[in-house]
Amino acid sequence: MNAPPETEPDSAQRLDLWLYYARLAKTRALCARFIESGKVRLNGQRLRKAHTRVRPGDVLVFPAPHGRPGERAVHVWRVRTLTTRRGPAAEARLTYEVVEENEGESLEKRA
């Protein structure tokens, strides 16, 4: 398995595009609509604009798309890398890390 292509560490990418590449939704338009609904937080700030820039190290908090028994109701992801394409799911998972339960709870309370 190859790592996703990375961009410069100080660069940024549109959040709707990054979520699409991370395979959160099937289309970029759905990602944009999800952000514009106000359900996504970036570093504790509620977002309403799909063109908001995301950088490695940023923390995203958003509701889980499908509530499954025993699963967290909220996802907390830390952006690891930016990528230039929508690859297979295994590659997409390399672009973020799931924040641990305890760390995520404190982030949710601040948000």
Protein backbone atom coordinates (compact mmCIF):
# COMPACT_ATOMS: atom_id res chain seq x y z
CA MET A 1 0.00 0.00 0.00
CA ASN A 2 1.42 3.35 -1.02
CA ALA A 3 1.10 6.52 1.00
CA PRO A 4 -1.06 9.25 -0.54
CA PRO A 5 0.74 11.99 -2.45
CA GLU A 6 1.48 14.84 -0.08
CA THR A 7 1.67 18.55 -0.66
CA GLU A 8 3.95 21.03 1.07
CA PRO A 9 3.53 20.99 4.89
CA ASP A 10 2.60 24.69 5.03
CA SER A 11 0.00 24.46 2.27
CA ALA A 12 -3.76 24.28 2.68
CA GLN A 13 -6.68 22.71 0.81
CA ARG A 14 -10.40 23.41 0.53
CA LEU A 15 -12.24 21.45 3.21
CA ASP A 16 -14.95 20.16 0.86
CA LEU A 17 -12.28 18.79 -1.45
CA TRP A 18 -10.29 17.25 1.42
CA LEU A 19 -13.42 15.54 2.83
CA TYR A 20 -14.20 14.20 -0.64
CA TYR A 21 -10.66 12.81 -0.98
CA ALA A 22 -10.98 11.33 2.54
CA ARG A 23 -14.13 9.58 1.25
CA LEU A 24 -16.59 11.09 3.74
CA ALA A 25 -19.21 11.34 0.97
CA LYS A 26 -19.60 10.15 -2.61
CA THR A 27 -19.45 13.60 -4.19
CA ARG A 28 -17.76 16.91 -3.51
CA ALA A 29 -21.16 18.61 -3.66
CA LEU A 30 -22.42 16.42 -0.80
CA CYS A 31 -19.33 17.33 1.23
CA ALA A 32 -19.97 21.03 0.55
CA ARG A 33 -23.62 20.71 1.56
CA PHE A 34 -22.60 18.92 4.78
CA ILE A 35 -20.19 21.73 5.70
CA GLU A 36 -22.73 24.45 4.83
CA SER A 37 -25.29 22.78 7.11
CA GLY A 38 -23.18 23.97 10.05
CA LYS A 39 -22.52 20.49 11.42
CA VAL A 40 -18.73 20.59 10.94
CA ARG A 41 -16.28 22.25 13.32
CA LEU A 42 -12.68 23.02 12.45
CA ASN A 43 -10.43 23.64 15.46
CA GLY A 44 -13.53 24.41 17.54
CA GLN A 45 -15.09 26.86 15.07
CA ARG A 46 -18.44 26.03 13.45
CA LEU A 47 -18.15 26.22 9.67
CA ARG A 48 -20.65 27.30 7.04
CA LYS A 49 -18.34 27.75 4.03
CA ALA A 50 -17.13 24.81 1.97
CA HIS A 51 -14.11 26.76 0.75
CA THR A 52 -12.62 26.98 4.26
CA ARG A 53 -8.96 25.95 4.14
CA VAL A 54 -7.71 22.90 6.07
CA ARG A 55 -4.08 22.19 6.98
CA PRO A 56 -2.23 19.21 8.46
CA GLY A 57 -2.73 19.21 12.23
CA ASP A 58 -6.24 20.73 12.09
CA VAL A 59 -8.95 18.94 14.07
CA LEU A 60 -12.40 18.28 12.57
CA VAL A 61 -15.47 17.41 14.65
CA PHE A 62 -18.66 16.28 12.92
CA PRO A 63 -21.61 13.95 13.56
CA ALA A 64 -21.32 10.34 12.47
CA PRO A 65 -23.27 9.86 9.23
CA HIS A 66 -24.98 6.68 10.41
CA GLY A 67 -25.67 5.99 14.06
CA ARG A 68 -24.67 2.41 14.74
CA PRO A 69 -25.13 0.78 18.16
CA GLY A 70 -21.98 1.07 20.25
CA GLU A 71 -20.39 3.62 17.90
CA ARG A 72 -19.53 7.20 18.79
CA ALA A 73 -22.14 9.74 17.74
CA VAL A 74 -19.42 12.23 16.82
CA HIS A 75 -16.26 11.76 14.76
CA VAL A 76 -13.11 13.63 15.73
CA TRP A 77 -10.40 13.54 13.05
CA ARG A 78 -6.97 15.17 12.93
CA VAL A 79 -5.79 16.01 9.42
CA ARG A 80 -2.51 14.18 8.75
CA THR A 81 -1.86 14.98 5.10
CA LEU A 82 -3.30 16.76 2.12
CA THR A 83 -3.70 14.77 -1.05
CA THR A 84 -4.31 15.49 -4.71
CA ARG A 85 -6.72 12.70 -5.60
CA ARG A 86 -9.55 10.50 -4.37
CA GLY A 87 -7.91 7.12 -4.04
CA PRO A 88 -9.03 3.81 -2.58
CA ALA A 89 -10.44 3.71 0.97
CA ALA A 90 -7.20 2.34 2.42
CA GLU A 91 -5.31 5.31 0.99
CA ALA A 92 -7.95 7.78 2.17
CA ARG A 93 -7.60 6.54 5.76
CA LEU A 94 -3.96 7.65 5.71
CA THR A 95 -5.00 11.30 5.30
CA TYR A 96 -6.46 11.54 8.82
CA GLU A 97 -6.20 10.01 12.26
CA VAL A 98 -9.09 9.35 14.59
CA VAL A 99 -8.54 11.29 17.81
CA GLU A 100 -8.64 9.13 20.92
CA GLU A 101 -11.83 9.03 22.99
CA ASN A 102 -10.52 11.09 25.95
CA GLU A 103 -8.83 13.72 23.81
CA GLY A 104 -11.93 13.93 21.59
CA GLU A 105 -14.24 14.52 24.55
CA SER A 106 -12.23 17.54 25.67
CA LEU A 107 -12.25 18.90 22.10
CA GLU A 108 -16.02 18.43 21.85
CA LYS A 109 -16.57 20.34 25.10
CA ARG A 110 -14.48 23.26 23.81
CA ALA A 111 -16.36 23.27 20.50
